[in-house]
Amino acid sequence: MSLLERITFNPKVMGGRPCIRGMRIRVSDILDMLAGGATQEQILADYPYLEADDIRASLAYAAAQLGHTVVVAAE
């Protein structure tokens, strides 16, 4: 399974927001924890159903989203 295959979208789960392997934990939840200073080890201890690859998948998904070109109209 590639990292990005761990990210799922289901309109019936968390309003269709990107989640980890169909569970009720959003990619943004993991990113918020990392941004708040949590370590991978702390996240995995608090959420034992997560795997290290889930955290890496969240980061890979965020990086892919930031890689999209945005066109801004000149005024």
N, C-alpha and C. Protein backbone atom coordinates (compact mmCIF):
# COMPACT_ATOMS: atom_id res chain seq x y z
N MET A 1 0.85 -1.18 0.00
CA MET A 1 0.00 0.00 0.00
C MET A 1 0.90 1.23 0.00
N SER A 2 0.65 2.13 -0.94
CA SER A 2 1.42 3.38 -0.94
C SER A 2 0.88 4.28 0.17
N LEU A 3 1.69 5.24 0.55
CA LEU A 3 1.27 6.12 1.65
C LEU A 3 -0.05 6.81 1.35
N LEU A 4 -0.21 7.35 0.16
CA LEU A 4 -1.42 8.11 -0.14
C LEU A 4 -2.67 7.22 -0.23
N GLU A 5 -2.50 5.92 -0.40
CA GLU A 5 -3.65 5.01 -0.38
C GLU A 5 -4.24 4.89 1.02
N ARG A 6 -3.50 5.31 2.03
CA ARG A 6 -4.00 5.29 3.40
C ARG A 6 -5.01 6.42 3.65
N ILE A 7 -5.01 7.42 2.77
CA ILE A 7 -5.92 8.56 2.91
C ILE A 7 -7.21 8.23 2.18
N THR A 8 -8.32 8.28 2.91
CA THR A 8 -9.61 7.92 2.33
C THR A 8 -10.58 9.09 2.41
N PHE A 9 -11.55 9.05 1.53
CA PHE A 9 -12.60 10.07 1.46
C PHE A 9 -13.93 9.35 1.39
N ASN A 10 -14.81 9.64 2.33
CA ASN A 10 -16.13 9.03 2.34
C ASN A 10 -17.10 10.09 2.87
N PRO A 11 -18.10 10.45 2.06
CA PRO A 11 -19.03 11.49 2.51
C PRO A 11 -19.75 11.13 3.81
N LYS A 12 -19.78 9.85 4.18
CA LYS A 12 -20.45 9.42 5.41
C LYS A 12 -19.52 9.40 6.61
N VAL A 13 -18.25 9.66 6.39
CA VAL A 13 -17.27 9.68 7.48
C VAL A 13 -16.64 11.06 7.54
N MET A 14 -16.86 11.74 8.63
CA MET A 14 -16.27 13.06 8.88
C MET A 14 -16.56 14.05 7.74
N GLY A 15 -17.75 13.94 7.17
CA GLY A 15 -18.18 14.90 6.15
C GLY A 15 -17.37 14.83 4.87
N GLY A 16 -16.72 13.70 4.62
CA GLY A 16 -15.95 13.55 3.40
C GLY A 16 -14.55 14.12 3.45
N ARG A 17 -14.15 14.61 4.62
CA ARG A 17 -12.79 15.15 4.76
C ARG A 17 -11.79 14.00 4.69
N PRO A 18 -10.56 14.30 4.28
CA PRO A 18 -9.57 13.23 4.19
C PRO A 18 -9.29 12.62 5.56
N CYS A 19 -9.41 11.29 5.62
CA CYS A 19 -9.23 10.55 6.87
C CYS A 19 -8.19 9.45 6.67
N ILE A 20 -7.81 8.87 7.78
CA ILE A 20 -6.84 7.78 7.77
C ILE A 20 -7.58 6.45 7.71
N ARG A 21 -7.35 5.71 6.63
CA ARG A 21 -7.85 4.35 6.44
C ARG A 21 -9.31 4.17 6.84
N GLY A 22 -10.15 5.13 6.49
CA GLY A 22 -11.58 5.02 6.74
C GLY A 22 -11.99 5.24 8.18
N MET A 23 -11.04 5.54 9.05
CA MET A 23 -11.35 5.77 10.46
C MET A 23 -11.80 7.22 10.67
N ARG A 24 -12.25 7.48 11.85
CA ARG A 24 -12.72 8.82 12.18
C ARG A 24 -11.60 9.70 12.73
N ILE A 25 -10.46 9.61 12.11
CA ILE A 25 -9.38 10.54 12.44
C ILE A 25 -8.94 11.19 11.14
N ARG A 26 -9.05 12.51 11.13
CA ARG A 26 -8.77 13.27 9.91
C ARG A 26 -7.28 13.53 9.76
N VAL A 27 -6.87 13.70 8.53
CA VAL A 27 -5.50 14.10 8.24
C VAL A 27 -5.20 15.39 8.99
N SER A 28 -6.14 16.30 9.00
CA SER A 28 -5.91 17.58 9.68
C SER A 28 -5.71 17.40 11.18
N ASP A 29 -6.32 16.38 11.79
CA ASP A 29 -6.11 16.11 13.22
C ASP A 29 -4.64 15.77 13.47
N ILE A 30 -4.09 14.92 12.63
CA ILE A 30 -2.69 14.52 12.78
C ILE A 30 -1.78 15.71 12.54
N LEU A 31 -2.06 16.48 11.51
CA LEU A 31 -1.23 17.65 11.22
C LEU A 31 -1.30 18.67 12.34
N ASP A 32 -2.47 18.87 12.92
CA ASP A 32 -2.62 19.79 14.05
C ASP A 32 -1.80 19.33 15.25
N MET A 33 -1.81 18.02 15.50
CA MET A 33 -1.02 17.51 16.63
C MET A 33 0.47 17.73 16.39
N LEU A 34 0.92 17.45 15.18
CA LEU A 34 2.34 17.66 14.86
C LEU A 34 2.69 19.14 14.96
N ALA A 35 1.83 20.00 14.44
CA ALA A 35 2.08 21.44 14.51
C ALA A 35 2.10 21.94 15.95
N GLY A 36 1.34 21.29 16.80
CA GLY A 36 1.29 21.66 18.21
C GLY A 36 2.47 21.14 19.01
N GLY A 37 3.36 20.40 18.35
CA GLY A 37 4.56 19.93 19.03
C GLY A 37 4.55 18.47 19.44
N ALA A 38 3.46 17.76 19.16
CA ALA A 38 3.43 16.33 19.51
C ALA A 38 4.42 15.56 18.64
N THR A 39 5.06 14.59 19.22
CA THR A 39 5.96 13.74 18.46
C THR A 39 5.17 12.56 17.89
N GLN A 40 5.79 11.90 16.94
CA GLN A 40 5.17 10.71 16.37
C GLN A 40 4.90 9.69 17.48
N GLU A 41 5.83 9.53 18.37
CA GLU A 41 5.68 8.56 19.45
C GLU A 41 4.50 8.91 20.35
N GLN A 42 4.32 10.20 20.65
CA GLN A 42 3.19 10.63 21.48
C GLN A 42 1.86 10.36 20.78
N ILE A 43 1.80 10.67 19.50
CA ILE A 43 0.55 10.44 18.74
C ILE A 43 0.22 8.96 18.72
N LEU A 44 1.21 8.12 18.45
CA LEU A 44 0.96 6.68 18.39
C LEU A 44 0.58 6.12 19.76
N ALA A 45 1.09 6.69 20.82
CA ALA A 45 0.72 6.25 22.17
C ALA A 45 -0.72 6.65 22.50
N ASP A 46 -1.11 7.85 22.07
CA ASP A 46 -2.47 8.34 22.35
C ASP A 46 -3.52 7.69 21.45
N TYR A 47 -3.11 7.26 20.27
CA TYR A 47 -4.02 6.66 19.29
C TYR A 47 -3.42 5.32 18.83
N PRO A 48 -3.56 4.28 19.64
CA PRO A 48 -2.88 3.01 19.36
C PRO A 48 -3.33 2.32 18.06
N TYR A 49 -4.45 2.72 17.51
CA TYR A 49 -4.92 2.14 16.25
C TYR A 49 -4.24 2.78 15.04
N LEU A 50 -3.46 3.84 15.26
CA LEU A 50 -2.70 4.45 14.17
C LEU A 50 -1.36 3.75 14.02
N GLU A 51 -0.79 3.89 12.83
CA GLU A 51 0.53 3.34 12.54
C GLU A 51 1.43 4.48 12.09
N ALA A 52 2.73 4.26 12.21
CA ALA A 52 3.68 5.30 11.81
C ALA A 52 3.46 5.72 10.35
N ASP A 53 3.11 4.78 9.49
CA ASP A 53 2.85 5.13 8.09
C ASP A 53 1.64 6.04 7.93
N ASP A 54 0.70 6.01 8.88
CA ASP A 54 -0.45 6.92 8.82
C ASP A 54 0.01 8.36 9.01
N ILE A 55 0.96 8.57 9.88
CA ILE A 55 1.49 9.92 10.11
C ILE A 55 2.26 10.38 8.88
N ARG A 56 3.08 9.49 8.33
CA ARG A 56 3.81 9.84 7.11
C ARG A 56 2.85 10.10 5.95
N ALA A 57 1.76 9.34 5.89
CA ALA A 57 0.77 9.55 4.83
C ALA A 57 0.12 10.93 4.96
N SER A 58 -0.14 11.35 6.18
CA SER A 58 -0.73 12.68 6.41
C SER A 58 0.20 13.77 5.92
N LEU A 59 1.48 13.61 6.21
CA LEU A 59 2.47 14.59 5.75
C LEU A 59 2.59 14.57 4.23
N ALA A 60 2.58 13.38 3.64
CA ALA A 60 2.68 13.27 2.19
C ALA A 60 1.46 13.89 1.52
N TYR A 61 0.27 13.69 2.11
CA TYR A 61 -0.94 14.27 1.55
C TYR A 61 -0.87 15.79 1.61
N ALA A 62 -0.44 16.33 2.75
CA ALA A 62 -0.33 17.78 2.88
C ALA A 62 0.67 18.34 1.88
N ALA A 63 1.80 17.67 1.72
CA ALA A 63 2.81 18.13 0.77
C ALA A 63 2.26 18.11 -0.66
N ALA A 64 1.51 17.08 -1.00
CA ALA A 64 0.93 16.99 -2.34
C ALA A 64 -0.06 18.11 -2.57
N GLN A 65 -0.83 18.45 -1.54
CA GLN A 65 -1.81 19.53 -1.68
C GLN A 65 -1.13 20.88 -1.87
N LEU A 66 -0.02 21.07 -1.19
CA LEU A 66 0.71 22.33 -1.33
C LEU A 66 1.43 22.43 -2.65
N GLY A 67 1.64 21.31 -3.31
CA GLY A 67 2.33 21.31 -4.58
C GLY A 67 1.48 21.75 -5.75
N HIS A 68 0.18 21.95 -5.52
CA HIS A 68 -0.71 22.37 -6.60
C HIS A 68 -0.47 23.84 -6.93
N THR A 69 -0.41 24.13 -8.21
CA THR A 69 -0.21 25.50 -8.67
C THR A 69 -1.47 26.32 -8.44
N VAL A 70 -1.29 27.51 -7.93
CA VAL A 70 -2.40 28.43 -7.71
C VAL A 70 -2.17 29.64 -8.61
N VAL A 71 -3.17 29.96 -9.40
CA VAL A 71 -3.08 31.11 -10.30
C VAL A 71 -3.82 32.28 -9.66
N VAL A 72 -3.12 33.38 -9.50
CA VAL A 72 -3.73 34.58 -8.91
C VAL A 72 -3.83 35.62 -10.03
N ALA A 73 -5.04 36.12 -10.22
CA ALA A 73 -5.27 37.11 -11.27
C ALA A 73 -4.61 38.45 -10.88
N ALA A 74 -3.91 39.03 -11.82
CA ALA A 74 -3.28 40.33 -11.57
C ALA A 74 -4.35 41.41 -11.60
N GLU A 75 -4.17 42.39 -10.75
CA GLU A 75 -5.16 43.48 -10.70
C GLU A 75 -4.72 44.63 -11.57
